[in-house]
Structures are given as structure tokens and as C-alpha cells.
Amino acid sequence: MGVIALVDSAALLESAVASVLAGAGIAIAFSLAIYGIARFGDARRGDAPVAAGFAATIAVLGLTAWAAAITVGILIMVGDRT
């Protein structure tokens, strides 16, 4: 019996795919927040209140998605292990 027989390949692949998707999702959410904050500043200085409001909405949604993803990840890690 070798080491290969002890590795659950399906679980390993599932874990790898989940981590890549989670990492990409968190990066995209935070990038949207940064983009929204930068555009908000530009639109506010350019006297474009509608564009500034839209950019602020993008920033808030990005930060909310980022915080929710981090919270869900922590809850999964410390959750019931049965």
C-alpha cells in the first residue's frame, strides 16, 4: 500500500477548485471596491453627482461582497467538524 492509495483525489480536487474560485472572487470583489472609490473621487471632483452616486454604490457593494466572503470563510473554518 503506497502513499497514493491514502490520498482522496476527489476531495483534493474539490478543495483546489474551491480555493481558486474563492480567491478569485475575493480579489474581484475588493477590486470593484477600489474601482468604485477611485471613480467616486473623480466624479465628485468633476461635478458629476449621478456618476459619483453610481461609483459609491459600486464601492459599497464591492466592500460588502468582500466582507461577506471573508465572514463566510471564517464561519466555515470554525464551524462544526462532524
N, C-alpha and C. Protein backbone atom coordinates (compact mmCIF):
# COMPACT_ATOMS: atom_id res chain seq x y z
N MET A 1 0.85 -1.17 0.00
CA MET A 1 0.00 0.00 0.00
C MET A 1 0.90 1.24 0.00
N GLY A 2 0.78 2.04 -1.02
CA GLY A 2 1.61 3.22 -1.14
C GLY A 2 0.88 4.47 -0.68
N VAL A 3 1.58 5.56 -0.76
CA VAL A 3 1.02 6.84 -0.35
C VAL A 3 -0.12 7.25 -1.27
N ILE A 4 -0.04 6.88 -2.52
CA ILE A 4 -1.08 7.23 -3.50
C ILE A 4 -2.44 6.68 -3.06
N ALA A 5 -2.47 5.52 -2.47
CA ALA A 5 -3.73 4.92 -2.04
C ALA A 5 -4.35 5.67 -0.87
N LEU A 6 -3.59 6.46 -0.15
CA LEU A 6 -4.10 7.18 1.01
C LEU A 6 -4.68 8.55 0.65
N VAL A 7 -4.48 9.00 -0.56
CA VAL A 7 -4.92 10.33 -0.97
C VAL A 7 -6.30 10.23 -1.62
N ASP A 8 -7.24 11.01 -1.11
CA ASP A 8 -8.58 11.09 -1.71
C ASP A 8 -8.53 12.13 -2.82
N SER A 9 -8.37 11.68 -4.04
CA SER A 9 -8.16 12.58 -5.18
C SER A 9 -9.36 13.49 -5.42
N ALA A 10 -10.56 12.97 -5.25
CA ALA A 10 -11.76 13.78 -5.49
C ALA A 10 -11.85 14.93 -4.48
N ALA A 11 -11.58 14.65 -3.22
CA ALA A 11 -11.61 15.69 -2.20
C ALA A 11 -10.50 16.71 -2.41
N LEU A 12 -9.34 16.24 -2.84
CA LEU A 12 -8.22 17.14 -3.10
C LEU A 12 -8.55 18.07 -4.27
N LEU A 13 -9.13 17.54 -5.33
CA LEU A 13 -9.50 18.35 -6.48
C LEU A 13 -10.60 19.35 -6.10
N GLU A 14 -11.57 18.91 -5.33
CA GLU A 14 -12.65 19.80 -4.89
C GLU A 14 -12.10 20.95 -4.06
N SER A 15 -11.18 20.65 -3.18
CA SER A 15 -10.57 21.68 -2.34
C SER A 15 -9.76 22.67 -3.18
N ALA A 16 -9.03 22.17 -4.16
CA ALA A 16 -8.21 23.04 -5.00
C ALA A 16 -9.09 23.97 -5.84
N VAL A 17 -10.15 23.43 -6.41
CA VAL A 17 -11.05 24.25 -7.23
C VAL A 17 -11.75 25.29 -6.37
N ALA A 18 -12.22 24.89 -5.20
CA ALA A 18 -12.91 25.83 -4.30
C ALA A 18 -11.98 26.95 -3.86
N SER A 19 -10.73 26.64 -3.59
CA SER A 19 -9.81 27.69 -3.14
C SER A 19 -9.48 28.67 -4.26
N VAL A 20 -9.35 28.17 -5.49
CA VAL A 20 -9.08 29.06 -6.62
C VAL A 20 -10.27 29.97 -6.87
N LEU A 21 -11.48 29.42 -6.85
CA LEU A 21 -12.68 30.23 -7.07
C LEU A 21 -12.89 31.24 -5.95
N ALA A 22 -12.67 30.84 -4.72
CA ALA A 22 -12.82 31.77 -3.60
C ALA A 22 -11.78 32.89 -3.68
N GLY A 23 -10.57 32.55 -3.99
CA GLY A 23 -9.52 33.56 -4.11
C GLY A 23 -9.82 34.56 -5.22
N ALA A 24 -10.28 34.06 -6.36
CA ALA A 24 -10.62 34.95 -7.47
C ALA A 24 -11.82 35.83 -7.11
N GLY A 25 -12.81 35.25 -6.46
CA GLY A 25 -13.99 36.03 -6.08
C GLY A 25 -13.68 37.13 -5.10
N ILE A 26 -12.85 36.84 -4.12
CA ILE A 26 -12.46 37.85 -3.14
C ILE A 26 -11.64 38.96 -3.81
N ALA A 27 -10.75 38.58 -4.70
CA ALA A 27 -9.94 39.58 -5.40
C ALA A 27 -10.81 40.48 -6.28
N ILE A 28 -11.79 39.89 -6.97
CA ILE A 28 -12.68 40.68 -7.83
C ILE A 28 -13.54 41.62 -6.99
N ALA A 29 -14.07 41.14 -5.88
CA ALA A 29 -14.91 41.99 -5.03
C ALA A 29 -14.11 43.17 -4.49
N PHE A 30 -12.90 42.94 -4.02
CA PHE A 30 -12.10 44.04 -3.49
C PHE A 30 -11.66 44.99 -4.61
N SER A 31 -11.40 44.45 -5.79
CA SER A 31 -11.04 45.30 -6.93
C SER A 31 -12.19 46.21 -7.32
N LEU A 32 -13.42 45.69 -7.27
CA LEU A 32 -14.59 46.54 -7.54
C LEU A 32 -14.71 47.66 -6.51
N ALA A 33 -14.41 47.34 -5.26
CA ALA A 33 -14.46 48.36 -4.23
C ALA A 33 -13.43 49.46 -4.50
N ILE A 34 -12.23 49.08 -4.83
CA ILE A 34 -11.18 50.06 -5.13
C ILE A 34 -11.56 50.89 -6.36
N TYR A 35 -12.08 50.23 -7.38
CA TYR A 35 -12.51 50.93 -8.60
C TYR A 35 -13.60 51.95 -8.27
N GLY A 36 -14.59 51.53 -7.49
CA GLY A 36 -15.68 52.43 -7.13
C GLY A 36 -15.21 53.62 -6.33
N ILE A 37 -14.29 53.40 -5.40
CA ILE A 37 -13.77 54.50 -4.59
C ILE A 37 -13.00 55.49 -5.46
N ALA A 38 -12.19 54.98 -6.38
CA ALA A 38 -11.41 55.86 -7.26
C ALA A 38 -12.33 56.66 -8.18
N ARG A 39 -13.32 56.01 -8.76
CA ARG A 39 -14.26 56.70 -9.65
C ARG A 39 -15.12 57.71 -8.89
N PHE A 40 -15.45 57.38 -7.64
CA PHE A 40 -16.22 58.30 -6.82
C PHE A 40 -15.47 59.62 -6.65
N GLY A 41 -14.19 59.52 -6.33
CA GLY A 41 -13.38 60.73 -6.16
C GLY A 41 -13.30 61.54 -7.43
N ASP A 42 -13.10 60.86 -8.56
CA ASP A 42 -13.02 61.57 -9.84
C ASP A 42 -14.35 62.24 -10.19
N ALA A 43 -15.44 61.52 -10.00
CA ALA A 43 -16.76 62.07 -10.37
C ALA A 43 -17.15 63.22 -9.45
N ARG A 44 -16.82 63.10 -8.19
CA ARG A 44 -17.16 64.17 -7.25
C ARG A 44 -16.40 65.44 -7.58
N ARG A 45 -15.11 65.29 -7.89
CA ARG A 45 -14.32 66.47 -8.26
C ARG A 45 -14.75 67.03 -9.61
N GLY A 46 -15.25 66.17 -10.48
CA GLY A 46 -15.70 66.61 -11.80
C GLY A 46 -17.12 67.13 -11.83
N ASP A 47 -17.73 67.29 -10.67
CA ASP A 47 -19.09 67.81 -10.54
C ASP A 47 -20.09 66.96 -11.33
N ALA A 48 -20.04 65.64 -11.10
CA ALA A 48 -20.98 64.71 -11.72
C ALA A 48 -21.64 63.89 -10.61
N PRO A 49 -22.69 64.42 -9.99
CA PRO A 49 -23.26 63.75 -8.82
C PRO A 49 -23.87 62.38 -9.11
N VAL A 50 -24.45 62.19 -10.28
CA VAL A 50 -25.04 60.89 -10.60
C VAL A 50 -23.96 59.84 -10.76
N ALA A 51 -22.89 60.19 -11.45
CA ALA A 51 -21.78 59.26 -11.61
C ALA A 51 -21.11 58.97 -10.27
N ALA A 52 -21.03 59.98 -9.42
CA ALA A 52 -20.44 59.78 -8.10
C ALA A 52 -21.30 58.83 -7.27
N GLY A 53 -22.61 58.98 -7.35
CA GLY A 53 -23.50 58.08 -6.62
C GLY A 53 -23.40 56.65 -7.13
N PHE A 54 -23.31 56.49 -8.43
CA PHE A 54 -23.17 55.15 -9.00
C PHE A 54 -21.84 54.52 -8.57
N ALA A 55 -20.78 55.30 -8.60
CA ALA A 55 -19.47 54.80 -8.18
C ALA A 55 -19.46 54.44 -6.70
N ALA A 56 -20.12 55.25 -5.88
CA ALA A 56 -20.20 54.94 -4.45
C ALA A 56 -20.97 53.65 -4.23
N THR A 57 -22.02 53.42 -5.02
CA THR A 57 -22.78 52.18 -4.92
C THR A 57 -21.93 50.98 -5.28
N ILE A 58 -21.13 51.10 -6.32
CA ILE A 58 -20.22 50.02 -6.70
C ILE A 58 -19.23 49.74 -5.58
N ALA A 59 -18.69 50.80 -4.98
CA ALA A 59 -17.73 50.63 -3.89
C ALA A 59 -18.36 49.93 -2.69
N VAL A 60 -19.56 50.34 -2.33
CA VAL A 60 -20.23 49.73 -1.17
C VAL A 60 -20.57 48.27 -1.46
N LEU A 61 -21.05 47.98 -2.64
CA LEU A 61 -21.37 46.60 -3.00
C LEU A 61 -20.11 45.72 -3.02
N GLY A 62 -19.02 46.26 -3.54
CA GLY A 62 -17.77 45.51 -3.56
C GLY A 62 -17.26 45.22 -2.16
N LEU A 63 -17.29 46.23 -1.29
CA LEU A 63 -16.84 46.03 0.09
C LEU A 63 -17.76 45.07 0.84
N THR A 64 -19.05 45.14 0.57
CA THR A 64 -20.00 44.24 1.22
C THR A 64 -19.76 42.80 0.78
N ALA A 65 -19.56 42.59 -0.51
CA ALA A 65 -19.30 41.24 -1.01
C ALA A 65 -17.99 40.70 -0.45
N TRP A 66 -16.98 41.56 -0.37
CA TRP A 66 -15.68 41.15 0.18
C TRP A 66 -15.81 40.76 1.65
N ALA A 67 -16.49 41.58 2.42
CA ALA A 67 -16.65 41.29 3.85
C ALA A 67 -17.50 40.03 4.05
N ALA A 68 -18.53 39.85 3.24
CA ALA A 68 -19.37 38.65 3.35
C ALA A 68 -18.57 37.39 3.02
N ALA A 69 -17.73 37.45 2.01
CA ALA A 69 -16.93 36.29 1.64
C ALA A 69 -15.93 35.93 2.74
N ILE A 70 -15.32 36.94 3.34
CA ILE A 70 -14.39 36.69 4.43
C ILE A 70 -15.13 36.09 5.63
N THR A 71 -16.30 36.63 5.94
CA THR A 71 -17.08 36.13 7.07
C THR A 71 -17.52 34.69 6.85
N VAL A 72 -18.01 34.38 5.67
CA VAL A 72 -18.44 33.01 5.37
C VAL A 72 -17.25 32.06 5.45
N GLY A 73 -16.11 32.47 4.95
CA GLY A 73 -14.92 31.62 5.03
C GLY A 73 -14.51 31.33 6.47
N ILE A 74 -14.55 32.34 7.31
CA ILE A 74 -14.21 32.12 8.72
C ILE A 74 -15.23 31.22 9.39
N LEU A 75 -16.52 31.44 9.11
CA LEU A 75 -17.55 30.60 9.70
C LEU A 75 -17.42 29.14 9.26
N ILE A 76 -17.04 28.92 8.02
CA ILE A 76 -16.84 27.55 7.55
C ILE A 76 -15.65 26.91 8.24
N MET A 77 -14.58 27.69 8.43
CA MET A 77 -13.38 27.12 9.05
C MET A 77 -13.59 26.77 10.52
N VAL A 78 -14.36 27.56 11.23
CA VAL A 78 -14.54 27.31 12.66
C VAL A 78 -15.84 26.57 12.97
N GLY A 79 -16.59 26.21 11.93
CA GLY A 79 -17.87 25.54 12.10
C GLY A 79 -17.72 24.12 12.61
N ASP A 80 -18.86 23.46 12.72
CA ASP A 80 -18.93 22.09 13.21
C ASP A 80 -18.16 21.14 12.27
N ARG A 81 -17.31 20.34 12.82
CA ARG A 81 -16.45 19.45 12.03
C ARG A 81 -16.91 18.00 12.09
N THR A 82 -18.20 17.78 12.22
CA THR A 82 -18.68 16.40 12.30
C THR A 82 -19.02 15.85 10.96
